[in-house]
N, C-alpha and C. Protein backbone atom coordinates (compact mmCIF):
# COMPACT_ATOMS: atom_id res chain seq x y z
N UNK A 1 0.82 -1.21 0.00
CA UNK A 1 0.00 0.01 0.02
C UNK A 1 0.87 1.26 -0.01
N UNK A 2 0.47 2.26 -0.79
CA UNK A 2 1.18 3.54 -0.75
C UNK A 2 0.67 4.32 0.42
N UNK A 3 1.57 4.78 1.28
CA UNK A 3 1.21 5.47 2.53
C UNK A 3 2.02 6.76 2.73
N UNK A 4 1.45 7.63 3.55
CA UNK A 4 2.14 8.80 4.07
C UNK A 4 2.23 8.64 5.56
N UNK A 5 3.35 8.97 6.15
CA UNK A 5 3.56 8.82 7.60
C UNK A 5 3.56 10.19 8.23
N UNK A 6 2.77 10.34 9.30
CA UNK A 6 2.80 11.54 10.12
C UNK A 6 4.07 11.43 10.98
N UNK A 7 5.00 12.32 10.79
CA UNK A 7 6.31 12.19 11.41
C UNK A 7 6.67 13.44 12.18
N UNK A 8 6.61 13.36 13.52
CA UNK A 8 6.93 14.50 14.34
C UNK A 8 8.44 14.58 14.56
N UNK A 9 9.12 13.45 14.57
CA UNK A 9 10.53 13.36 14.92
C UNK A 9 10.74 12.72 16.30
N UNK A 10 9.63 12.39 16.98
CA UNK A 10 9.69 11.69 18.28
C UNK A 10 9.90 10.18 18.13
N UNK A 11 10.12 9.52 19.26
CA UNK A 11 10.34 8.07 19.24
C UNK A 11 9.24 7.31 18.51
N UNK A 12 8.00 7.59 18.84
CA UNK A 12 6.91 6.78 18.35
C UNK A 12 6.73 6.94 16.86
N UNK A 13 6.76 8.18 16.34
CA UNK A 13 6.53 8.38 14.93
C UNK A 13 7.72 7.89 14.12
N UNK A 14 8.93 7.98 14.65
CA UNK A 14 10.12 7.50 13.91
C UNK A 14 10.03 5.96 13.81
N UNK A 15 9.65 5.30 14.89
CA UNK A 15 9.46 3.83 14.79
C UNK A 15 8.38 3.49 13.81
N UNK A 16 7.27 4.29 13.81
CA UNK A 16 6.19 4.08 12.90
C UNK A 16 6.65 4.22 11.45
N UNK A 17 7.56 5.18 11.23
CA UNK A 17 8.11 5.36 9.86
C UNK A 17 8.85 4.12 9.46
N UNK A 18 9.79 3.64 10.29
CA UNK A 18 10.59 2.48 9.95
C UNK A 18 9.74 1.22 9.81
N UNK A 19 8.72 1.12 10.64
CA UNK A 19 7.79 -0.02 10.57
C UNK A 19 7.03 0.02 9.27
N UNK A 20 6.53 1.23 8.90
CA UNK A 20 5.82 1.36 7.64
C UNK A 20 6.68 1.12 6.43
N UNK A 21 7.95 1.57 6.54
CA UNK A 21 8.94 1.35 5.46
C UNK A 21 9.17 -0.12 5.20
N UNK A 22 9.05 -0.92 6.27
CA UNK A 22 9.27 -2.37 6.16
C UNK A 22 8.05 -3.05 5.56
N UNK A 23 6.90 -2.41 5.64
CA UNK A 23 5.65 -3.12 5.24
C UNK A 23 4.93 -2.49 4.02
N UNK A 24 5.19 -1.23 3.79
CA UNK A 24 4.43 -0.48 2.78
C UNK A 24 5.37 0.26 1.86
N UNK A 25 4.78 0.92 0.88
CA UNK A 25 5.50 1.88 0.02
C UNK A 25 5.26 3.26 0.60
N UNK A 26 6.26 3.78 1.32
CA UNK A 26 6.11 5.09 1.99
C UNK A 26 6.45 6.17 0.94
N UNK A 27 5.46 6.87 0.50
CA UNK A 27 5.64 7.91 -0.52
C UNK A 27 6.18 9.21 0.06
N UNK A 28 5.75 9.54 1.28
CA UNK A 28 6.16 10.80 1.86
C UNK A 28 5.97 10.80 3.36
N UNK A 29 6.61 11.72 4.04
CA UNK A 29 6.45 11.95 5.47
C UNK A 29 5.98 13.37 5.67
N UNK A 30 5.05 13.57 6.62
CA UNK A 30 4.44 14.88 6.84
C UNK A 30 4.65 15.33 8.30
N UNK A 31 5.19 16.50 8.48
CA UNK A 31 5.33 17.11 9.81
C UNK A 31 4.51 18.38 9.87
N UNK A 32 4.19 18.77 11.10
CA UNK A 32 3.44 20.02 11.29
C UNK A 32 4.21 20.91 12.27
N UNK A 33 4.42 22.14 11.85
CA UNK A 33 5.01 23.15 12.74
C UNK A 33 3.89 24.09 13.14
N UNK A 34 3.41 23.91 14.38
CA UNK A 34 2.23 24.63 14.81
C UNK A 34 2.48 25.57 16.00
N UNK A 35 3.76 25.80 16.30
CA UNK A 35 4.09 26.76 17.36
C UNK A 35 4.33 26.15 18.70
N UNK A 36 4.66 24.88 18.77
CA UNK A 36 4.96 24.23 20.03
C UNK A 36 6.42 24.61 20.41
N UNK A 37 6.72 24.47 21.71
CA UNK A 37 8.01 24.82 22.22
C UNK A 37 9.12 23.91 21.61
N UNK A 38 8.71 22.70 21.23
CA UNK A 38 9.75 21.77 20.76
C UNK A 38 9.70 21.47 19.26
N UNK A 39 8.86 22.15 18.52
CA UNK A 39 8.77 21.91 17.05
C UNK A 39 10.08 22.07 16.35
N UNK A 40 10.83 23.14 16.70
CA UNK A 40 12.08 23.38 16.00
C UNK A 40 13.12 22.27 16.22
N UNK A 41 13.08 21.67 17.41
CA UNK A 41 14.01 20.59 17.70
C UNK A 41 13.55 19.28 17.04
N UNK A 42 12.31 18.92 17.21
CA UNK A 42 11.88 17.60 16.77
C UNK A 42 11.80 17.53 15.25
N UNK A 43 11.48 18.59 14.57
CA UNK A 43 11.37 18.51 13.09
C UNK A 43 12.75 18.28 12.44
N UNK A 44 13.80 18.73 13.11
CA UNK A 44 15.16 18.40 12.63
C UNK A 44 15.36 16.87 12.51
N UNK A 45 14.83 16.16 13.51
CA UNK A 45 14.98 14.69 13.50
C UNK A 45 14.02 14.01 12.53
N UNK A 46 12.87 14.64 12.31
CA UNK A 46 11.95 14.12 11.30
C UNK A 46 12.60 14.23 9.92
N UNK A 47 13.27 15.33 9.64
CA UNK A 47 13.96 15.48 8.36
C UNK A 47 15.11 14.50 8.24
N UNK A 48 15.84 14.32 9.35
CA UNK A 48 16.98 13.38 9.32
C UNK A 48 16.47 11.94 8.99
N UNK A 49 15.43 11.49 9.68
CA UNK A 49 14.94 10.16 9.49
C UNK A 49 14.38 9.95 8.11
N UNK A 50 13.68 10.94 7.57
CA UNK A 50 13.17 10.84 6.21
C UNK A 50 14.31 10.74 5.21
N UNK A 51 15.32 11.58 5.37
CA UNK A 51 16.47 11.56 4.45
C UNK A 51 17.23 10.22 4.55
N UNK A 52 17.26 9.67 5.75
CA UNK A 52 17.97 8.41 6.00
C UNK A 52 17.35 7.29 5.10
N UNK A 53 16.07 7.32 4.99
CA UNK A 53 15.38 6.29 4.19
C UNK A 53 15.10 6.70 2.77
N UNK A 54 15.56 7.92 2.43
CA UNK A 54 15.37 8.42 1.05
C UNK A 54 13.91 8.71 0.70
N UNK A 55 13.17 9.22 1.73
CA UNK A 55 11.74 9.49 1.54
C UNK A 55 11.52 10.99 1.58
N UNK A 56 10.67 11.46 0.73
CA UNK A 56 10.33 12.88 0.68
C UNK A 56 9.71 13.33 2.01
N UNK A 57 10.13 14.49 2.49
CA UNK A 57 9.57 15.03 3.73
C UNK A 57 9.04 16.38 3.49
N UNK A 58 7.83 16.66 4.01
CA UNK A 58 7.21 17.98 3.91
C UNK A 58 6.81 18.43 5.28
N UNK A 59 6.92 19.73 5.55
CA UNK A 59 6.46 20.36 6.79
C UNK A 59 5.41 21.38 6.46
N UNK A 60 4.26 21.28 7.13
CA UNK A 60 3.19 22.27 6.96
C UNK A 60 3.25 23.23 8.14
N UNK A 61 3.35 24.50 7.87
CA UNK A 61 3.46 25.53 8.89
C UNK A 61 2.10 26.22 9.04
N UNK A 62 1.67 26.39 10.32
CA UNK A 62 0.53 27.25 10.60
C UNK A 62 0.69 27.80 11.99
N UNK A 63 0.16 29.05 12.19
CA UNK A 63 0.40 29.71 13.43
C UNK A 63 -0.86 30.00 14.25
N UNK A 64 -2.04 29.53 13.76
CA UNK A 64 -3.28 29.89 14.45
C UNK A 64 -3.38 29.22 15.82
N UNK A 65 -2.77 28.05 16.00
CA UNK A 65 -2.83 27.36 17.31
C UNK A 65 -2.13 28.17 18.38
N UNK A 66 -0.91 28.62 18.06
CA UNK A 66 -0.14 29.41 19.06
C UNK A 66 -0.85 30.74 19.36
N UNK A 67 -1.61 31.28 18.40
CA UNK A 67 -2.29 32.55 18.57
C UNK A 67 -3.58 32.37 19.34
N UNK A 68 -4.32 31.30 19.11
CA UNK A 68 -5.70 31.25 19.59
C UNK A 68 -6.01 30.07 20.52
N UNK A 69 -5.11 29.09 20.62
CA UNK A 69 -5.37 27.91 21.44
C UNK A 69 -4.67 28.04 22.79
N UNK A 70 -5.31 27.47 23.81
CA UNK A 70 -4.71 27.50 25.15
C UNK A 70 -4.05 26.18 25.45
N UNK A 71 -2.69 26.17 25.60
CA UNK A 71 -1.91 24.97 25.92
C UNK A 71 -0.53 25.37 26.33
N UNK A 72 -0.01 24.76 27.39
CA UNK A 72 1.35 25.07 27.81
C UNK A 72 2.41 24.46 26.87
N UNK A 73 1.93 23.56 25.96
CA UNK A 73 2.83 23.01 24.97
C UNK A 73 3.29 24.05 23.98
N UNK A 74 2.43 25.07 23.77
CA UNK A 74 2.69 26.08 22.79
C UNK A 74 3.63 27.18 23.32
N UNK A 75 4.33 27.84 22.40
CA UNK A 75 5.24 28.93 22.79
C UNK A 75 4.46 30.07 23.49
N UNK A 76 3.19 30.20 23.20
CA UNK A 76 2.37 31.20 23.81
C UNK A 76 1.83 30.80 25.19
N UNK A 77 2.08 29.54 25.60
CA UNK A 77 1.59 29.06 26.86
C UNK A 77 2.57 29.19 28.03
N UNK A 78 2.20 28.57 29.15
CA UNK A 78 3.04 28.64 30.34
C UNK A 78 4.14 27.59 30.32
N UNK A 79 4.70 27.32 31.51
CA UNK A 79 5.85 26.45 31.68
C UNK A 79 5.37 24.99 31.50
N UNK A 80 6.29 24.19 30.89
CA UNK A 80 6.02 22.77 30.71
C UNK A 80 6.12 22.12 32.11
N UNK A 81 5.12 21.36 32.51
CA UNK A 81 5.20 20.71 33.85
C UNK A 81 6.16 19.56 33.87
N UNK A 82 6.84 19.41 35.03
CA UNK A 82 7.69 18.23 35.28
C UNK A 82 6.82 17.14 35.97
N UNK A 83 7.35 15.92 36.03
CA UNK A 83 6.66 14.84 36.70
C UNK A 83 6.32 13.72 35.78
N UNK A 84 5.50 12.79 36.22
CA UNK A 84 5.12 11.62 35.43
C UNK A 84 4.16 12.03 34.34
N UNK A 85 4.31 11.38 33.22
CA UNK A 85 3.53 11.79 32.04
C UNK A 85 2.04 11.49 32.21
N UNK A 86 1.61 10.65 33.16
CA UNK A 86 0.24 10.31 33.36
C UNK A 86 -0.42 11.18 34.43
N UNK A 87 0.36 12.10 35.02
CA UNK A 87 -0.21 12.98 36.04
C UNK A 87 -1.19 13.98 35.42
N UNK A 88 -2.17 14.39 36.25
CA UNK A 88 -3.18 15.33 35.75
C UNK A 88 -2.58 16.63 35.27
N UNK A 89 -1.42 17.02 35.84
CA UNK A 89 -0.76 18.27 35.43
C UNK A 89 -0.39 18.27 33.95
N UNK A 90 -0.19 17.05 33.41
CA UNK A 90 0.16 16.97 31.96
C UNK A 90 -0.95 17.40 31.04
N UNK A 91 -2.17 17.49 31.57
CA UNK A 91 -3.29 17.95 30.78
C UNK A 91 -3.08 19.37 30.28
N UNK A 92 -2.16 20.09 30.97
CA UNK A 92 -1.85 21.47 30.52
C UNK A 92 -1.15 21.45 29.18
N UNK A 93 -0.61 20.32 28.76
CA UNK A 93 0.12 20.27 27.50
C UNK A 93 -0.76 19.80 26.34
N UNK A 94 -2.04 19.52 26.61
CA UNK A 94 -3.01 19.15 25.58
C UNK A 94 -3.25 20.37 24.67
N UNK A 95 -3.09 20.22 23.41
CA UNK A 95 -3.52 21.27 22.44
C UNK A 95 -4.88 20.84 21.93
N UNK A 96 -5.94 21.61 22.23
CA UNK A 96 -7.28 21.14 21.93
C UNK A 96 -7.51 20.71 20.48
N UNK A 97 -7.90 19.49 20.32
CA UNK A 97 -8.27 18.85 19.02
C UNK A 97 -7.12 18.90 18.02
N UNK A 98 -5.90 18.90 18.54
CA UNK A 98 -4.75 18.97 17.64
C UNK A 98 -4.74 17.83 16.62
N UNK A 99 -4.92 16.60 17.04
CA UNK A 99 -4.86 15.49 16.11
C UNK A 99 -6.01 15.55 15.10
N UNK A 100 -7.17 16.02 15.53
CA UNK A 100 -8.28 16.16 14.61
C UNK A 100 -7.97 17.13 13.45
N UNK A 101 -7.38 18.25 13.88
CA UNK A 101 -7.03 19.29 12.87
C UNK A 101 -5.92 18.73 11.94
N UNK A 102 -4.92 18.13 12.51
CA UNK A 102 -3.78 17.65 11.71
C UNK A 102 -4.22 16.48 10.81
N UNK A 103 -5.03 15.59 11.31
CA UNK A 103 -5.50 14.48 10.46
C UNK A 103 -6.37 14.98 9.33
N UNK A 104 -7.19 16.02 9.57
CA UNK A 104 -7.98 16.57 8.47
C UNK A 104 -7.10 17.14 7.35
N UNK A 105 -6.09 17.87 7.77
CA UNK A 105 -5.13 18.42 6.77
C UNK A 105 -4.38 17.27 6.08
N UNK A 106 -3.94 16.30 6.89
CA UNK A 106 -3.16 15.20 6.34
C UNK A 106 -3.99 14.38 5.35
N UNK A 107 -5.26 14.22 5.63
CA UNK A 107 -6.13 13.41 4.71
C UNK A 107 -6.20 14.09 3.35
N UNK A 108 -6.34 15.41 3.36
CA UNK A 108 -6.39 16.10 2.09
C UNK A 108 -5.03 16.08 1.38
N UNK A 109 -3.97 16.17 2.13
CA UNK A 109 -2.61 16.07 1.58
C UNK A 109 -2.41 14.71 0.98
N UNK A 110 -2.80 13.64 1.73
CA UNK A 110 -2.57 12.27 1.31
C UNK A 110 -3.30 11.98 0.00
N UNK A 111 -4.53 12.39 -0.09
CA UNK A 111 -5.31 12.15 -1.32
C UNK A 111 -4.69 12.91 -2.50
N UNK A 112 -4.17 14.10 -2.23
CA UNK A 112 -3.53 14.89 -3.26
C UNK A 112 -2.24 14.26 -3.76
N UNK A 113 -1.59 13.46 -2.91
CA UNK A 113 -0.37 12.76 -3.27
C UNK A 113 -0.59 11.40 -3.92
N UNK A 114 -1.85 11.00 -3.97
CA UNK A 114 -2.13 9.71 -4.59
C UNK A 114 -1.85 8.53 -3.71
N UNK A 115 -1.83 8.70 -2.38
CA UNK A 115 -1.58 7.57 -1.51
C UNK A 115 -2.90 7.02 -0.96
N UNK A 116 -2.85 5.85 -0.40
CA UNK A 116 -4.06 5.15 0.06
C UNK A 116 -4.21 5.11 1.58
N UNK A 117 -3.08 5.33 2.30
CA UNK A 117 -3.16 5.19 3.72
C UNK A 117 -2.33 6.27 4.42
N UNK A 118 -2.71 6.58 5.64
CA UNK A 118 -2.05 7.60 6.44
C UNK A 118 -1.67 6.91 7.76
N UNK A 119 -0.39 6.94 8.13
CA UNK A 119 0.09 6.20 9.32
C UNK A 119 0.26 7.22 10.45
N UNK A 120 -0.30 6.92 11.63
CA UNK A 120 -0.14 7.74 12.82
C UNK A 120 0.32 6.84 13.99
N UNK A 121 1.19 7.35 14.85
CA UNK A 121 1.80 6.54 15.87
C UNK A 121 1.12 6.64 17.24
N UNK A 122 -0.14 7.00 17.26
CA UNK A 122 -0.86 7.08 18.55
C UNK A 122 -0.75 5.73 19.26
N UNK A 123 -0.51 5.75 20.62
CA UNK A 123 -0.39 4.50 21.35
C UNK A 123 -1.09 4.58 22.69
N UNK A 124 -1.10 3.44 23.35
CA UNK A 124 -1.95 3.31 24.58
C UNK A 124 -1.50 4.23 25.68
N UNK A 125 -0.18 4.54 25.74
CA UNK A 125 0.35 5.40 26.76
C UNK A 125 -0.19 6.84 26.71
N UNK A 126 -0.69 7.22 25.52
CA UNK A 126 -1.24 8.56 25.32
C UNK A 126 -2.66 8.66 25.90
N UNK A 127 -3.29 7.51 26.13
CA UNK A 127 -4.73 7.54 26.38
C UNK A 127 -5.17 8.28 27.67
N UNK A 128 -4.32 8.21 28.69
CA UNK A 128 -4.68 8.80 29.95
C UNK A 128 -4.89 10.31 29.89
N UNK A 129 -4.14 10.97 29.01
CA UNK A 129 -4.06 12.43 28.99
C UNK A 129 -4.71 12.98 27.71
N UNK A 130 -4.49 12.35 26.57
CA UNK A 130 -4.86 12.96 25.30
C UNK A 130 -6.10 12.30 24.67
N UNK A 131 -7.25 12.95 24.73
CA UNK A 131 -8.44 12.32 24.22
C UNK A 131 -8.39 12.10 22.71
N UNK A 132 -7.61 12.89 21.98
CA UNK A 132 -7.56 12.71 20.53
C UNK A 132 -6.47 11.74 20.12
N UNK A 133 -6.03 10.93 21.06
CA UNK A 133 -5.15 9.79 20.74
C UNK A 133 -5.82 8.46 20.98
N UNK A 134 -7.00 8.50 21.56
CA UNK A 134 -7.73 7.28 21.97
C UNK A 134 -8.40 6.59 20.76
N UNK A 135 -8.54 5.30 20.88
CA UNK A 135 -9.09 4.54 19.78
C UNK A 135 -10.49 4.95 19.32
N UNK A 136 -11.42 5.27 20.24
CA UNK A 136 -12.74 5.74 19.76
C UNK A 136 -12.63 6.98 18.87
N UNK A 137 -11.74 7.91 19.26
CA UNK A 137 -11.51 9.10 18.43
C UNK A 137 -10.88 8.68 17.08
N UNK A 138 -9.90 7.81 17.13
CA UNK A 138 -9.24 7.38 15.91
C UNK A 138 -10.22 6.67 14.97
N UNK A 139 -11.10 5.88 15.55
CA UNK A 139 -12.10 5.20 14.71
C UNK A 139 -13.04 6.16 14.02
N UNK A 140 -13.41 7.22 14.77
CA UNK A 140 -14.29 8.24 14.20
C UNK A 140 -13.58 9.04 13.09
N UNK A 141 -12.31 9.37 13.32
CA UNK A 141 -11.55 10.09 12.29
C UNK A 141 -11.27 9.16 11.09
N UNK A 142 -11.04 7.90 11.33
CA UNK A 142 -10.84 6.97 10.25
C UNK A 142 -12.09 6.89 9.37
N UNK A 143 -13.27 6.84 9.98
CA UNK A 143 -14.49 6.80 9.26
C UNK A 143 -14.68 8.09 8.45
N UNK A 144 -14.36 9.24 9.07
CA UNK A 144 -14.51 10.53 8.37
C UNK A 144 -13.55 10.60 7.17
N UNK A 145 -12.34 10.15 7.32
CA UNK A 145 -11.38 10.18 6.24
C UNK A 145 -11.75 9.21 5.12
N UNK A 146 -12.28 8.06 5.47
CA UNK A 146 -12.68 7.10 4.50
C UNK A 146 -13.89 7.60 3.65
N UNK A 147 -14.84 8.17 4.39
CA UNK A 147 -16.03 8.64 3.76
C UNK A 147 -15.85 9.99 3.05
N UNK A 148 -14.91 10.75 3.51
CA UNK A 148 -14.70 12.10 2.99
C UNK A 148 -13.68 12.28 1.86
N UNK A 149 -13.12 11.17 1.41
CA UNK A 149 -12.17 11.21 0.31
C UNK A 149 -12.58 10.23 -0.79
N UNK A 150 -12.35 10.65 -2.05
CA UNK A 150 -12.61 9.69 -3.14
C UNK A 150 -11.73 8.45 -3.02
N UNK A 151 -10.52 8.66 -2.51
CA UNK A 151 -9.57 7.52 -2.39
C UNK A 151 -9.95 6.60 -1.23
N UNK A 152 -10.84 7.03 -0.35
CA UNK A 152 -11.13 6.24 0.84
C UNK A 152 -9.92 6.04 1.69
N UNK A 153 -9.22 7.19 2.00
CA UNK A 153 -7.98 7.12 2.72
C UNK A 153 -8.13 6.32 4.03
N UNK A 154 -7.21 5.37 4.21
CA UNK A 154 -7.22 4.52 5.44
C UNK A 154 -6.31 5.10 6.50
N UNK A 155 -6.84 5.18 7.69
CA UNK A 155 -6.02 5.63 8.83
C UNK A 155 -5.37 4.42 9.49
N UNK A 156 -4.07 4.31 9.37
CA UNK A 156 -3.35 3.13 9.88
C UNK A 156 -2.71 3.54 11.22
N UNK A 157 -3.00 2.80 12.27
CA UNK A 157 -2.51 3.06 13.59
C UNK A 157 -1.93 1.81 14.22
N UNK A 158 -0.72 1.46 13.85
CA UNK A 158 -0.12 0.17 14.23
C UNK A 158 0.17 0.02 15.69
N UNK A 159 0.27 1.12 16.43
CA UNK A 159 0.67 1.07 17.85
C UNK A 159 -0.47 1.35 18.78
N UNK A 160 -1.72 1.40 18.33
CA UNK A 160 -2.79 1.86 19.17
C UNK A 160 -3.03 1.03 20.46
N UNK A 161 -2.60 -0.25 20.40
CA UNK A 161 -2.78 -1.11 21.54
C UNK A 161 -1.45 -1.35 22.25
N UNK A 162 -0.38 -0.67 21.87
CA UNK A 162 0.95 -0.87 22.43
C UNK A 162 1.31 0.29 23.35
N UNK A 163 2.19 0.02 24.33
CA UNK A 163 2.71 1.10 25.14
C UNK A 163 4.10 1.50 24.59
N UNK A 164 4.67 2.49 25.17
CA UNK A 164 5.93 3.05 24.64
C UNK A 164 7.09 2.07 24.72
N UNK A 165 7.10 1.23 25.80
CA UNK A 165 8.15 0.24 25.91
C UNK A 165 8.07 -0.75 24.76
N UNK A 166 6.86 -1.14 24.39
CA UNK A 166 6.68 -2.06 23.25
C UNK A 166 7.12 -1.40 21.96
N UNK A 167 6.88 -0.14 21.82
CA UNK A 167 7.32 0.61 20.62
C UNK A 167 8.82 0.69 20.63
N UNK A 168 9.47 0.93 21.76
CA UNK A 168 10.91 0.95 21.83
C UNK A 168 11.48 -0.40 21.38
N UNK A 169 10.87 -1.50 21.82
CA UNK A 169 11.36 -2.83 21.42
C UNK A 169 11.22 -3.02 19.90
N UNK A 170 10.07 -2.56 19.35
CA UNK A 170 9.87 -2.67 17.92
C UNK A 170 10.95 -1.85 17.15
N UNK A 171 11.23 -0.69 17.69
CA UNK A 171 12.28 0.15 17.06
C UNK A 171 13.62 -0.52 17.11
N UNK A 172 13.94 -1.17 18.21
CA UNK A 172 15.22 -1.87 18.35
C UNK A 172 15.28 -3.01 17.30
N UNK A 173 14.17 -3.70 17.09
CA UNK A 173 14.15 -4.77 16.10
C UNK A 173 14.42 -4.19 14.72
N UNK A 174 13.94 -2.99 14.46
CA UNK A 174 14.13 -2.36 13.11
C UNK A 174 15.43 -1.62 13.00
N UNK A 175 16.22 -1.57 14.06
CA UNK A 175 17.52 -0.91 14.02
C UNK A 175 17.44 0.60 14.11
N UNK A 176 16.39 1.12 14.74
CA UNK A 176 16.24 2.56 14.86
C UNK A 176 17.30 3.13 15.79
N UNK A 177 17.96 4.21 15.40
CA UNK A 177 18.90 4.91 16.23
C UNK A 177 18.10 5.94 17.02
N UNK A 178 17.79 5.62 18.29
CA UNK A 178 16.93 6.47 19.10
C UNK A 178 17.65 7.76 19.54
N UNK A 179 18.94 7.81 19.37
CA UNK A 179 19.63 9.06 19.69
C UNK A 179 19.23 10.12 18.67
N UNK A 180 18.72 9.72 17.56
CA UNK A 180 18.29 10.67 16.50
C UNK A 180 16.77 10.76 16.47
N UNK A 181 16.21 10.91 17.68
CA UNK A 181 14.79 11.18 17.87
C UNK A 181 14.72 12.23 18.97
N UNK A 182 13.53 12.92 19.07
CA UNK A 182 13.38 13.96 20.05
C UNK A 182 12.04 13.82 20.80
N UNK A 183 12.04 13.92 22.11
CA UNK A 183 10.85 13.82 22.93
C UNK A 183 10.56 15.05 23.74
N UNK A 184 11.56 15.70 24.32
CA UNK A 184 11.36 16.70 25.37
C UNK A 184 10.49 17.88 24.92
N UNK A 185 9.44 18.13 25.67
CA UNK A 185 8.53 19.24 25.33
C UNK A 185 9.17 20.61 25.57
N UNK A 186 10.21 20.70 26.28
CA UNK A 186 10.78 22.02 26.55
C UNK A 186 11.62 22.56 25.39
N UNK A 187 12.09 21.67 24.53
CA UNK A 187 12.72 22.03 23.26
C UNK A 187 14.03 22.77 23.41
N UNK A 188 14.80 22.45 24.48
CA UNK A 188 16.12 23.05 24.63
C UNK A 188 17.18 22.24 23.88
N UNK A 189 18.44 22.55 24.08
CA UNK A 189 19.50 21.82 23.36
C UNK A 189 19.58 20.38 23.71
N UNK A 190 19.36 20.05 24.99
CA UNK A 190 19.35 18.66 25.47
C UNK A 190 17.94 18.32 26.02
N UNK A 191 17.61 17.02 26.06
CA UNK A 191 16.42 16.61 26.76
C UNK A 191 16.59 16.98 28.24
N UNK A 192 15.52 17.54 28.83
CA UNK A 192 15.65 17.97 30.23
C UNK A 192 15.72 16.81 31.18
N UNK A 193 15.03 15.72 30.90
CA UNK A 193 15.07 14.50 31.75
C UNK A 193 14.00 14.47 32.80
N UNK A 194 13.23 15.55 32.99
CA UNK A 194 12.29 15.63 34.12
C UNK A 194 10.86 16.00 33.69
N UNK A 195 10.67 16.50 32.46
CA UNK A 195 9.29 16.80 32.05
C UNK A 195 8.56 15.48 31.75
N UNK A 196 7.26 15.54 31.57
CA UNK A 196 6.47 14.32 31.41
C UNK A 196 6.96 13.48 30.26
N UNK A 197 7.29 14.07 29.12
CA UNK A 197 7.69 13.28 27.94
C UNK A 197 9.08 12.72 28.13
N UNK A 198 9.97 13.42 28.83
CA UNK A 198 11.29 12.81 29.14
C UNK A 198 11.17 11.67 30.12
N UNK A 199 10.28 11.80 31.11
CA UNK A 199 10.04 10.67 32.05
C UNK A 199 9.49 9.49 31.29
N UNK A 200 8.56 9.72 30.39
CA UNK A 200 8.00 8.65 29.62
C UNK A 200 9.05 7.95 28.78
N UNK A 201 9.95 8.75 28.19
CA UNK A 201 11.03 8.19 27.33
C UNK A 201 11.98 7.39 28.17
N UNK A 202 12.43 7.92 29.30
CA UNK A 202 13.37 7.18 30.19
C UNK A 202 12.72 5.90 30.66
N UNK A 203 11.45 5.95 31.05
CA UNK A 203 10.76 4.80 31.58
C UNK A 203 10.62 3.71 30.49
N UNK A 204 10.37 4.13 29.26
CA UNK A 204 10.19 3.18 28.17
C UNK A 204 11.40 2.31 27.94
N UNK A 205 12.61 2.93 27.92
CA UNK A 205 13.83 2.20 27.73
C UNK A 205 14.08 1.23 28.86
N UNK A 206 13.77 1.65 30.11
CA UNK A 206 13.98 0.80 31.25
C UNK A 206 13.06 -0.40 31.16
N UNK A 207 11.78 -0.19 30.88
CA UNK A 207 10.80 -1.27 30.83
C UNK A 207 11.12 -2.20 29.66
N UNK A 208 11.63 -1.63 28.55
CA UNK A 208 11.96 -2.46 27.42
C UNK A 208 13.30 -3.24 27.57
N UNK A 209 14.07 -2.86 28.61
CA UNK A 209 15.34 -3.51 28.84
C UNK A 209 16.37 -3.09 27.79
N UNK A 210 16.26 -1.86 27.33
CA UNK A 210 17.16 -1.37 26.27
C UNK A 210 18.04 -0.22 26.80
N UNK A 211 19.25 -0.09 26.28
CA UNK A 211 20.08 1.08 26.72
C UNK A 211 19.42 2.33 26.16
N UNK A 212 19.50 3.40 26.95
CA UNK A 212 18.95 4.72 26.56
C UNK A 212 20.13 5.57 26.05
N UNK A 213 20.13 5.90 24.75
CA UNK A 213 21.22 6.69 24.18
C UNK A 213 21.08 8.19 24.33
N UNK A 214 19.99 8.61 25.01
CA UNK A 214 19.65 10.03 25.10
C UNK A 214 20.57 10.75 26.08
N UNK A 215 20.96 11.97 25.69
CA UNK A 215 21.70 12.86 26.59
C UNK A 215 20.68 13.73 27.31
N UNK A 216 20.62 13.62 28.65
CA UNK A 216 19.70 14.41 29.47
C UNK A 216 20.45 15.42 30.30
N UNK A 217 19.78 16.54 30.59
CA UNK A 217 20.36 17.52 31.51
C UNK A 217 20.44 16.94 32.91
N UNK A 218 19.48 16.15 33.30
CA UNK A 218 19.49 15.55 34.63
C UNK A 218 18.67 14.26 34.57
N UNK A 219 19.01 13.33 35.46
CA UNK A 219 18.31 12.04 35.48
C UNK A 219 18.03 11.63 36.95
N UNK A 220 17.18 12.38 37.64
CA UNK A 220 16.79 12.00 38.98
C UNK A 220 15.95 10.72 38.96
N UNK A 221 15.68 10.17 40.10
CA UNK A 221 14.84 8.99 40.20
C UNK A 221 13.50 9.27 39.51
N UNK A 222 13.00 8.30 38.77
CA UNK A 222 11.77 8.46 38.07
C UNK A 222 10.61 8.57 39.04
N UNK A 223 9.67 9.48 38.80
CA UNK A 223 8.47 9.58 39.69
C UNK A 223 7.56 8.37 39.46
N UNK A 224 6.82 8.03 40.52
CA UNK A 224 5.86 6.94 40.39
C UNK A 224 4.65 7.33 39.55
N UNK A 225 4.11 6.36 38.82
CA UNK A 225 2.94 6.62 38.03
C UNK A 225 1.72 6.74 38.91
N UNK A 226 0.89 7.77 38.68
CA UNK A 226 -0.36 7.85 39.47
C UNK A 226 -1.33 6.76 39.10
N UNK A 227 -1.08 6.06 38.01
CA UNK A 227 -1.91 4.92 37.62
C UNK A 227 -1.55 3.61 38.30
N UNK A 228 -0.36 3.59 38.93
CA UNK A 228 0.12 2.34 39.56
C UNK A 228 -0.73 2.01 40.75
């Protein structure tokens, strides 16, 4: 199947790219620069991974989210919270309906490129905080994309029932260089090691039993999950 991969440059989307490359004909990768604190850092890695596989990479820029949406993930928002990624404080990083907006744009892009499927790396670890990563939402968007395009664009979500540790293991199987991925929401020169996404990243490597190649500013003891 000819597919387009939504590629942020983070661990999950990079593994999704390599997984799709092993199974499909990946025509292009699509990133979105929407004014988040870490867009500039992560898109560098999206470009690197696309070039590594010889796949066309496109970035769509828009600034209305940073101007009009309320989220600490955005440059216009407050400080990125530290702590476990499943804590209620992480809800401050939710960008309202972000995936819905991006998938709508991506569906139009995909049909225009003549592809049949759109790959997104949403996974079970996102479910506690992000409503637009959950499977009921994805099923609804999949139906809208299928019914709203002549091509019947298929929304492919290979990791929807997997956690980040399982994704890390899949990436290791595929030979992914995780040092060339970006997670930290703060978007500084190094991963901070203490924000929710850094904690999730560190925890994933530990649970997967894999070495973590990431350079962190600090690596204190991991906080306990509120879901435990």
